[in-house]
């Protein structure tokens, strides 16, 4: 994997498999969304759109961009954590849509706005694991997997090691990097998959496995070996639905 940005306007290979997975993640985010910090100063329409996005609903990209454009550059105001998380989530959807629609004129600015909104959230909450993950996402696009990306991903794991809704987004991003990960980040990424599997989110676990680097796939399945036969059989079912065939000591019936 190149450590540099590829041709201008073309997302690096690391991000491509994540774009489809992002749609699945948005639905799962609703599980953790109710636990996020609230605020008494909040526009209902703004919150409503963010809440619907985490349930997987779709909106016109231009409409979303207009909705959050007044939020740009407002980072020095009152710290409203839920509002800033909402703005960041909406901006992530805008940037993802720009990738999917191959909108080369907008994508660079959209990614920059992801970084800006993540920094604004970190000004209020320096320990926000989701904001650090968004910084990692934007850095991967701008500069590839380098020291900056490693720093942001490390902070996300430091402050949110076992937050399920964050893990669903983080796991495919991290595991796609394969042998570029340090040993500590590698183990943390494997733990993301392990938590998702043990939470019985088998369809998500299968998608994460599919998006992971080939050199990590055996290690992912190793994490399931001490589970009963039934959960492993369910995971195998979803892996086969993804068109994957596996060979692993803990899945002797995988070819049947």
C-alpha atoms as a PDB file:
ATOM      1  CA  UNK A   1       0.000   0.000   0.000  1.00  0.00           C
ATOM      2  CA  UNK A   2       1.289   3.368  -0.969  1.00  0.00           C
ATOM      3  CA  UNK A   3       2.086   5.706   1.900  1.00  0.00           C
ATOM      4  CA  UNK A   4       1.438   8.720  -0.299  1.00  0.00           C
ATOM      5  CA  UNK A   5      -1.670  10.177  -1.740  1.00  0.00           C
ATOM      6  CA  UNK A   6      -2.425   8.713  -5.112  1.00  0.00           C
ATOM      7  CA  UNK A   7      -3.527  10.803  -8.045  1.00  0.00           C
ATOM      8  CA  UNK A   8      -5.470  13.847  -6.933  1.00  0.00           C
ATOM      9  CA  UNK A   9      -9.112  13.077  -6.342  1.00  0.00           C
ATOM     10  CA  UNK A  10      -8.667   9.277  -6.233  1.00  0.00           C
ATOM     11  CA  UNK A  11      -9.157   7.636  -2.825  1.00  0.00           C
ATOM     12  CA  UNK A  12      -6.439   5.141  -1.813  1.00  0.00           C
ATOM     13  CA  UNK A  13      -7.254   1.404  -1.917  1.00  0.00           C
ATOM     14  CA  UNK A  14      -7.533   1.370   1.877  1.00  0.00           C
ATOM     15  CA  UNK A  15     -10.782   3.351   1.791  1.00  0.00           C
ATOM     16  CA  UNK A  16     -12.588   1.657  -1.092  1.00  0.00           C
ATOM     17  CA  UNK A  17     -13.856  -1.490   0.737  1.00  0.00           C
ATOM     18  CA  UNK A  18     -14.909   0.656   3.683  1.00  0.00           C
ATOM     19  CA  UNK A  19     -17.384   2.766   1.697  1.00  0.00           C
ATOM     20  CA  UNK A  20     -19.911  -0.054   1.375  1.00  0.00           C
ATOM     21  CA  UNK A  21     -19.297  -1.171   4.941  1.00  0.00           C
ATOM     22  CA  UNK A  22     -19.962   2.385   6.151  1.00  0.00           C
ATOM     23  CA  UNK A  23     -23.642   1.999   5.220  1.00  0.00           C
ATOM     24  CA  UNK A  24     -23.887  -1.066   7.504  1.00  0.00           C
ATOM     25  CA  UNK A  25     -22.105   0.752  10.287  1.00  0.00           C
ATOM     26  CA  UNK A  26     -24.522   3.692  10.253  1.00  0.00           C
ATOM     27  CA  UNK A  27     -27.381   1.369  11.147  1.00  0.00           C
ATOM     28  CA  UNK A  28     -25.405  -0.177  13.974  1.00  0.00           C
ATOM     29  CA  UNK A  29     -24.440   3.231  15.353  1.00  0.00           C
ATOM     30  CA  UNK A  30     -28.008   3.680  16.562  1.00  0.00           C
ATOM     31  CA  UNK A  31     -27.253   1.182  19.336  1.00  0.00           C
ATOM     32  CA  UNK A  32     -24.718   3.482  20.922  1.00  0.00           C
ATOM     33  CA  UNK A  33     -26.119   6.827  19.839  1.00  0.00           C
ATOM     34  CA  UNK A  34     -28.511   7.120  22.800  1.00  0.00           C
ATOM     35  CA  UNK A  35     -25.542   6.951  25.175  1.00  0.00           C
ATOM     36  CA  UNK A  36     -23.872  10.044  23.721  1.00  0.00           C
ATOM     37  CA  UNK A  37     -23.819  13.275  25.710  1.00  0.00           C
ATOM     38  CA  UNK A  38     -26.897  15.423  25.151  1.00  0.00           C
ATOM     39  CA  UNK A  39     -27.514  19.173  25.189  1.00  0.00           C
ATOM     40  CA  UNK A  40     -30.352  21.538  25.985  1.00  0.00           C
ATOM     41  CA  UNK A  41     -29.189  23.939  23.251  1.00  0.00           C
ATOM     42  CA  UNK A  42     -29.810  21.988  20.046  1.00  0.00           C
ATOM     43  CA  UNK A  43     -31.805  22.504  16.862  1.00  0.00           C
ATOM     44  CA  UNK A  44     -34.357  19.647  16.615  1.00  0.00           C
ATOM     45  CA  UNK A  45     -34.077  19.414  12.811  1.00  0.00           C
ATOM     46  CA  UNK A  46     -30.298  19.089  12.980  1.00  0.00           C
ATOM     47  CA  UNK A  47     -30.492  16.362  15.621  1.00  0.00           C
ATOM     48  CA  UNK A  48     -33.284  14.587  13.770  1.00  0.00           C
ATOM     49  CA  UNK A  49     -31.212  14.248  10.589  1.00  0.00           C
ATOM     50  CA  UNK A  50     -28.224  12.903  12.523  1.00  0.00           C
ATOM     51  CA  UNK A  51     -30.401  10.380  14.376  1.00  0.00           C
ATOM     52  CA  UNK A  52     -31.946   9.218  11.108  1.00  0.00           C
ATOM     53  CA  UNK A  53     -28.538   8.828   9.517  1.00  0.00           C
ATOM     54  CA  UNK A  54     -27.389   6.496  12.281  1.00  0.00           C
ATOM     55  CA  UNK A  55     -30.459   4.386  11.545  1.00  0.00           C
ATOM     56  CA  UNK A  56     -29.253   4.013   7.971  1.00  0.00           C
ATOM     57  CA  UNK A  57     -31.579   6.447   6.196  1.00  0.00           C
ATOM     58  CA  UNK A  58     -30.288   8.256   3.119  1.00  0.00           C
ATOM     59  CA  UNK A  59     -30.341  11.947   2.270  1.00  0.00           C
ATOM     60  CA  UNK A  60     -29.369  14.057  -0.699  1.00  0.00           C
ATOM     61  CA  UNK A  61     -25.685  14.969  -0.408  1.00  0.00           C
ATOM     62  CA  UNK A  62     -26.269  18.589  -1.329  1.00  0.00           C
ATOM     63  CA  UNK A  63     -28.962  18.899   1.319  1.00  0.00           C
ATOM     64  CA  UNK A  64     -26.681  17.457   3.989  1.00  0.00           C
ATOM     65  CA  UNK A  65     -23.876  19.802   2.949  1.00  0.00           C
ATOM     66  CA  UNK A  66     -26.177  22.818   3.204  1.00  0.00           C
ATOM     67  CA  UNK A  67     -27.451  21.662   6.582  1.00  0.00           C
ATOM     68  CA  UNK A  68     -24.020  21.583   8.188  1.00  0.00           C
ATOM     69  CA  UNK A  69     -22.370  24.450   6.303  1.00  0.00           C
ATOM     70  CA  UNK A  70     -23.315  27.035   8.976  1.00  0.00           C
ATOM     71  CA  UNK A  71     -21.532  24.824  11.508  1.00  0.00           C
ATOM     72  CA  UNK A  72     -18.135  25.331   9.844  1.00  0.00           C
ATOM     73  CA  UNK A  73     -15.740  27.468  11.807  1.00  0.00           C
ATOM     74  CA  UNK A  74     -17.934  27.529  14.926  1.00  0.00           C
ATOM     75  CA  UNK A  75     -15.495  25.480  16.987  1.00  0.00           C
ATOM     76  CA  UNK A  76     -14.717  28.270  19.434  1.00  0.00           C
ATOM     77  CA  UNK A  77     -18.278  28.507  20.780  1.00  0.00           C
ATOM     78  CA  UNK A  78     -20.103  26.687  23.529  1.00  0.00           C
ATOM     79  CA  UNK A  79     -19.102  23.041  23.821  1.00  0.00           C
ATOM     80  CA  UNK A  80     -22.120  21.030  22.763  1.00  0.00           C
ATOM     81  CA  UNK A  81     -20.838  17.478  22.442  1.00  0.00           C
ATOM     82  CA  UNK A  82     -23.850  15.915  20.816  1.00  0.00           C
ATOM     83  CA  UNK A  83     -24.164  18.724  18.290  1.00  0.00           C
ATOM     84  CA  UNK A  84     -20.505  18.398  17.340  1.00  0.00           C
ATOM     85  CA  UNK A  85     -20.715  14.614  17.098  1.00  0.00           C
ATOM     86  CA  UNK A  86     -23.796  15.010  14.915  1.00  0.00           C
ATOM     87  CA  UNK A  87     -21.969  17.460  12.641  1.00  0.00           C
ATOM     88  CA  UNK A  88     -19.039  15.062  12.373  1.00  0.00           C
ATOM     89  CA  UNK A  89     -21.259  12.092  11.592  1.00  0.00           C
ATOM     90  CA  UNK A  90     -23.150  14.026   8.916  1.00  0.00           C
ATOM     91  CA  UNK A  91     -19.867  15.236   7.411  1.00  0.00           C
ATOM     92  CA  UNK A  92     -18.586  11.659   7.268  1.00  0.00           C
ATOM     93  CA  UNK A  93     -21.700  10.703   5.303  1.00  0.00           C
ATOM     94  CA  UNK A  94     -21.185  13.663   2.947  1.00  0.00           C
ATOM     95  CA  UNK A  95     -17.558  12.666   2.322  1.00  0.00           C
ATOM     96  CA  UNK A  96     -18.534   9.018   1.818  1.00  0.00           C
ATOM     97  CA  UNK A  97     -21.195  10.018  -0.696  1.00  0.00           C
ATOM     98  CA  UNK A  98     -18.620  12.110  -2.571  1.00  0.00           C
ATOM     99  CA  UNK A  99     -16.410   9.022  -2.891  1.00  0.00           C
ATOM    100  CA  UNK A 100     -19.271   6.818  -4.022  1.00  0.00           C
ATOM    101  CA  UNK A 101     -20.467   9.379  -6.563  1.00  0.00           C
ATOM    102  CA  UNK A 102     -16.913  10.030  -7.805  1.00  0.00           C
ATOM    103  CA  UNK A 103     -17.428  13.736  -7.152  1.00  0.00           C
ATOM    104  CA  UNK A 104     -13.772  14.689  -7.611  1.00  0.00           C
ATOM    105  CA  UNK A 105     -14.468  18.408  -7.268  1.00  0.00           C
ATOM    106  CA  UNK A 106     -15.954  18.001  -3.781  1.00  0.00           C
ATOM    107  CA  UNK A 107     -14.144  15.092  -2.189  1.00  0.00           C
ATOM    108  CA  UNK A 108     -10.983  16.908  -1.106  1.00  0.00           C
ATOM    109  CA  UNK A 109     -12.966  19.656   0.613  1.00  0.00           C
ATOM    110  CA  UNK A 110     -15.306  17.139   2.208  1.00  0.00           C
ATOM    111  CA  UNK A 111     -12.409  15.172   3.683  1.00  0.00           C
ATOM    112  CA  UNK A 112     -10.869  18.401   4.952  1.00  0.00           C
ATOM    113  CA  UNK A 113     -14.177  19.214   6.652  1.00  0.00           C
ATOM    114  CA  UNK A 114     -14.177  15.802   8.353  1.00  0.00           C
ATOM    115  CA  UNK A 115     -10.815  16.685   9.872  1.00  0.00           C
ATOM    116  CA  UNK A 116     -12.019  20.170  10.850  1.00  0.00           C
ATOM    117  CA  UNK A 117     -15.133  18.904  12.594  1.00  0.00           C
ATOM    118  CA  UNK A 118     -13.190  16.163  14.352  1.00  0.00           C
ATOM    119  CA  UNK A 119     -10.760  18.774  15.706  1.00  0.00           C
ATOM    120  CA  UNK A 120     -13.664  20.927  16.886  1.00  0.00           C
ATOM    121  CA  UNK A 121     -15.083  17.957  18.784  1.00  0.00           C
ATOM    122  CA  UNK A 122     -11.676  17.219  20.304  1.00  0.00           C
ATOM    123  CA  UNK A 123     -11.469  20.808  21.562  1.00  0.00           C
ATOM    124  CA  UNK A 124     -14.457  20.001  23.752  1.00  0.00           C
ATOM    125  CA  UNK A 125     -13.667  16.362  24.445  1.00  0.00           C
ATOM    126  CA  UNK A 126     -10.003  15.389  23.918  1.00  0.00           C
ATOM    127  CA  UNK A 127     -10.790  11.796  24.870  1.00  0.00           C
ATOM    128  CA  UNK A 128     -13.479  11.256  22.226  1.00  0.00           C
ATOM    129  CA  UNK A 129     -12.530   8.010  20.490  1.00  0.00           C
ATOM    130  CA  UNK A 130     -14.875   8.653  17.564  1.00  0.00           C
ATOM    131  CA  UNK A 131     -13.263  12.020  16.807  1.00  0.00           C
ATOM    132  CA  UNK A 132      -9.795  10.451  16.826  1.00  0.00           C
ATOM    133  CA  UNK A 133     -11.045   7.757  14.463  1.00  0.00           C
ATOM    134  CA  UNK A 134     -12.426  10.411  12.087  1.00  0.00           C
ATOM    135  CA  UNK A 135      -8.990  12.067  12.145  1.00  0.00           C
ATOM    136  CA  UNK A 136      -7.475   8.710  11.149  1.00  0.00           C
ATOM    137  CA  UNK A 137     -10.022   8.305   8.344  1.00  0.00           C
ATOM    138  CA  UNK A 138      -9.175  11.724   6.903  1.00  0.00           C
ATOM    139  CA  UNK A 139      -5.418  11.220   7.290  1.00  0.00           C
ATOM    140  CA  UNK A 140      -5.525   7.933   5.374  1.00  0.00           C
ATOM    141  CA  UNK A 141      -7.032   9.786   2.429  1.00  0.00           C
ATOM    142  CA  UNK A 142      -4.616  12.713   2.565  1.00  0.00           C
ATOM    143  CA  UNK A 143      -1.307  11.003   3.309  1.00  0.00           C
ATOM    144  CA  UNK A 144      -1.785   7.253   3.519  1.00  0.00           C
ATOM    145  CA  UNK A 145      -0.732   5.090   6.449  1.00  0.00           C
ATOM    146  CA  UNK A 146       2.040   7.146   8.013  1.00  0.00           C
ATOM    147  CA  UNK A 147       3.007   8.520  11.437  1.00  0.00           C
ATOM    148  CA  UNK A 148       0.010  10.843  11.597  1.00  0.00           C
ATOM    149  CA  UNK A 149      -2.460   8.048  10.885  1.00  0.00           C
ATOM    150  CA  UNK A 150      -0.771   5.790  13.441  1.00  0.00           C
ATOM    151  CA  UNK A 151      -1.024   8.508  16.095  1.00  0.00           C
ATOM    152  CA  UNK A 152      -4.739   9.102  15.488  1.00  0.00           C
ATOM    153  CA  UNK A 153      -5.604   5.396  15.447  1.00  0.00           C
ATOM    154  CA  UNK A 154      -3.614   4.835  18.624  1.00  0.00           C
ATOM    155  CA  UNK A 155      -5.563   7.577  20.380  1.00  0.00           C
ATOM    156  CA  UNK A 156      -8.874   6.089  19.258  1.00  0.00           C
ATOM    157  CA  UNK A 157      -7.917   2.743  20.785  1.00  0.00           C
ATOM    158  CA  UNK A 158      -6.584   4.428  23.904  1.00  0.00           C
ATOM    159  CA  UNK A 159      -9.804   6.290  24.679  1.00  0.00           C
ATOM    160  CA  UNK A 160     -12.427   3.903  23.248  1.00  0.00           C
ATOM    161  CA  UNK A 161     -11.025   0.369  23.308  1.00  0.00           C
ATOM    162  CA  UNK A 162     -14.366  -1.422  23.685  1.00  0.00           C
ATOM    163  CA  UNK A 163     -17.123   0.945  22.530  1.00  0.00           C
ATOM    164  CA  UNK A 164     -19.113  -1.252  20.198  1.00  0.00           C
ATOM    165  CA  UNK A 165     -20.526   1.410  17.867  1.00  0.00           C
ATOM    166  CA  UNK A 166     -17.020   2.826  17.333  1.00  0.00           C
ATOM    167  CA  UNK A 167     -15.524  -0.649  16.871  1.00  0.00           C
ATOM    168  CA  UNK A 168     -17.924  -1.374  14.022  1.00  0.00           C
ATOM    169  CA  UNK A 169     -16.500   1.569  12.085  1.00  0.00           C
ATOM    170  CA  UNK A 170     -12.901   1.227  13.258  1.00  0.00           C
ATOM    171  CA  UNK A 171     -12.324  -2.490  12.757  1.00  0.00           C
ATOM    172  CA  UNK A 172     -12.489  -2.568   8.930  1.00  0.00           C
ATOM    173  CA  UNK A 173     -10.404   0.613   8.691  1.00  0.00           C
ATOM    174  CA  UNK A 174      -7.672  -0.748  10.939  1.00  0.00           C
ATOM    175  CA  UNK A 175      -7.652  -4.360   9.779  1.00  0.00           C
ATOM    176  CA  UNK A 176      -7.379  -3.289   6.137  1.00  0.00           C
ATOM    177  CA  UNK A 177      -3.875  -1.995   6.947  1.00  0.00           C
ATOM    178  CA  UNK A 178      -2.581  -5.497   7.619  1.00  0.00           C
ATOM    179  CA  UNK A 179       1.129  -5.792   8.287  1.00  0.00           C
ATOM    180  CA  UNK A 180       1.530  -2.016   8.333  1.00  0.00           C
ATOM    181  CA  UNK A 181       0.084  -2.086  11.854  1.00  0.00           C
ATOM    182  CA  UNK A 182       2.432  -2.201  14.826  1.00  0.00           C
ATOM    183  CA  UNK A 183       2.033  -5.225  17.083  1.00  0.00           C
ATOM    184  CA  UNK A 184       0.064  -3.216  19.656  1.00  0.00           C
ATOM    185  CA  UNK A 185      -2.323  -1.815  17.032  1.00  0.00           C
ATOM    186  CA  UNK A 186      -2.617  -5.233  15.436  1.00  0.00           C
ATOM    187  CA  UNK A 187      -3.732  -6.773  18.727  1.00  0.00           C
ATOM    188  CA  UNK A 188      -6.141  -3.909  19.351  1.00  0.00           C
ATOM    189  CA  UNK A 189      -7.695  -4.347  15.897  1.00  0.00           C
ATOM    190  CA  UNK A 190      -8.029  -8.095  16.435  1.00  0.00           C
ATOM    191  CA  UNK A 191      -9.748  -7.342  19.740  1.00  0.00           C
ATOM    192  CA  UNK A 192     -12.275  -5.169  17.871  1.00  0.00           C
ATOM    193  CA  UNK A 193     -13.213  -8.157  15.727  1.00  0.00           C
ATOM    194  CA  UNK A 194     -13.300 -10.425  18.781  1.00  0.00           C
ATOM    195  CA  UNK A 195     -15.700  -8.103  20.624  1.00  0.00           C
ATOM    196  CA  UNK A 196     -17.982  -7.837  17.596  1.00  0.00           C
ATOM    197  CA  UNK A 197     -18.034 -11.615  17.123  1.00  0.00           C
ATOM    198  CA  UNK A 198     -18.745 -12.257  20.821  1.00  0.00           C
ATOM    199  CA  UNK A 199     -21.538  -9.678  20.705  1.00  0.00           C
ATOM    200  CA  UNK A 200     -23.178 -12.001  18.156  1.00  0.00           C
ATOM    201  CA  UNK A 201     -22.964  -9.452  15.369  1.00  0.00           C
ATOM    202  CA  UNK A 202     -22.048 -12.221  12.961  1.00  0.00           C
ATOM    203  CA  UNK A 203     -23.035 -10.461   9.746  1.00  0.00           C
ATOM    204  CA  UNK A 204     -20.858  -7.486  10.701  1.00  0.00           C
ATOM    205  CA  UNK A 205     -18.008  -9.801  11.697  1.00  0.00           C
ATOM    206  CA  UNK A 206     -18.197 -11.468   8.273  1.00  0.00           C
ATOM    207  CA  UNK A 207     -18.056  -8.104   6.487  1.00  0.00           C
ATOM    208  CA  UNK A 208     -15.077  -7.058   8.606  1.00  0.00           C
ATOM    209  CA  UNK A 209     -13.307 -10.325   7.793  1.00  0.00           C
ATOM    210  CA  UNK A 210     -13.934  -9.772   4.093  1.00  0.00           C
ATOM    211  CA  UNK A 211     -12.505  -6.237   4.202  1.00  0.00           C
ATOM    212  CA  UNK A 212      -9.425  -7.263   6.224  1.00  0.00           C
ATOM    213  CA  UNK A 213      -5.939  -7.727   4.808  1.00  0.00           C
ATOM    214  CA  UNK A 214      -5.212 -11.327   3.820  1.00  0.00           C
ATOM    215  CA  UNK A 215      -2.311 -11.594   6.262  1.00  0.00           C
ATOM    216  CA  UNK A 216      -4.665 -10.984   9.203  1.00  0.00           C
ATOM    217  CA  UNK A 217      -7.496 -13.324   8.297  1.00  0.00           C
ATOM    218  CA  UNK A 218      -6.070 -16.423   9.966  1.00  0.00           C
ATOM    219  CA  UNK A 219      -5.488 -14.449  13.159  1.00  0.00           C
ATOM    220  CA  UNK A 220      -9.102 -13.248  13.069  1.00  0.00           C
ATOM    221  CA  UNK A 221     -10.454 -16.785  12.888  1.00  0.00           C
ATOM    222  CA  UNK A 222      -8.023 -17.866  15.607  1.00  0.00           C
ATOM    223  CA  UNK A 223      -9.929 -15.528  17.934  1.00  0.00           C
ATOM    224  CA  UNK A 224     -13.098 -17.605  17.436  1.00  0.00           C
ATOM    225  CA  UNK A 225     -11.598 -21.015  18.188  1.00  0.00           C
ATOM    226  CA  UNK A 226     -12.560 -21.133  21.854  1.00  0.00           C
ATOM    227  CA  UNK A 227     -16.209 -20.351  21.068  1.00  0.00           C
ATOM    228  CA  UNK A 228     -18.850 -23.100  20.871  1.00  0.00           C
ATOM    229  CA  UNK A 229     -19.538 -24.737  17.539  1.00  0.00           C
ATOM    230  CA  UNK A 230     -22.841 -22.914  16.981  1.00  0.00           C
ATOM    231  CA  UNK A 231     -21.487 -19.324  16.871  1.00  0.00           C
ATOM    232  CA  UNK A 232     -18.707 -20.453  14.557  1.00  0.00           C
ATOM    233  CA  UNK A 233     -21.250 -22.148  12.304  1.00  0.00           C
ATOM    234  CA  UNK A 234     -23.293 -18.939  12.113  1.00  0.00           C
ATOM    235  CA  UNK A 235     -20.186 -16.905  11.249  1.00  0.00           C
ATOM    236  CA  UNK A 236     -19.300 -19.450   8.573  1.00  0.00           C
ATOM    237  CA  UNK A 237     -22.795 -19.079   7.112  1.00  0.00           C
ATOM    238  CA  UNK A 238     -22.345 -15.320   6.738  1.00  0.00           C
ATOM    239  CA  UNK A 239     -18.839 -15.751   5.333  1.00  0.00           C
ATOM    240  CA  UNK A 240     -20.234 -18.052   2.650  1.00  0.00           C
ATOM    241  CA  UNK A 241     -22.954 -15.493   1.922  1.00  0.00           C
ATOM    242  CA  UNK A 242     -20.096 -13.072   1.173  1.00  0.00           C
ATOM    243  CA  UNK A 243     -18.748 -15.572  -1.355  1.00  0.00           C
ATOM    244  CA  UNK A 244     -15.754 -16.467   0.822  1.00  0.00           C
ATOM    245  CA  UNK A 245     -14.215 -19.909   1.194  1.00  0.00           C
ATOM    246  CA  UNK A 246     -11.951 -20.474   4.174  1.00  0.00           C
ATOM    247  CA  UNK A 247      -9.496 -23.075   5.377  1.00  0.00           C
ATOM    248  CA  UNK A 248      -8.859 -23.012   9.082  1.00  0.00           C
ATOM    249  CA  UNK A 249      -8.268 -25.583  11.794  1.00  0.00           C
ATOM    250  CA  UNK A 250     -11.345 -24.423  13.706  1.00  0.00           C
ATOM    251  CA  UNK A 251     -13.622 -24.700  10.654  1.00  0.00           C
ATOM    252  CA  UNK A 252     -13.133 -28.248   9.395  1.00  0.00           C
ATOM    253  CA  UNK A 253     -16.500 -28.264   7.629  1.00  0.00           C
ATOM    254  CA  UNK A 254     -15.956 -24.997   5.770  1.00  0.00           C
ATOM    255  CA  UNK A 255     -15.802 -26.669   2.346  1.00  0.00           C
ATOM    256  CA  UNK A 256     -18.996 -28.668   2.786  1.00  0.00           C
END
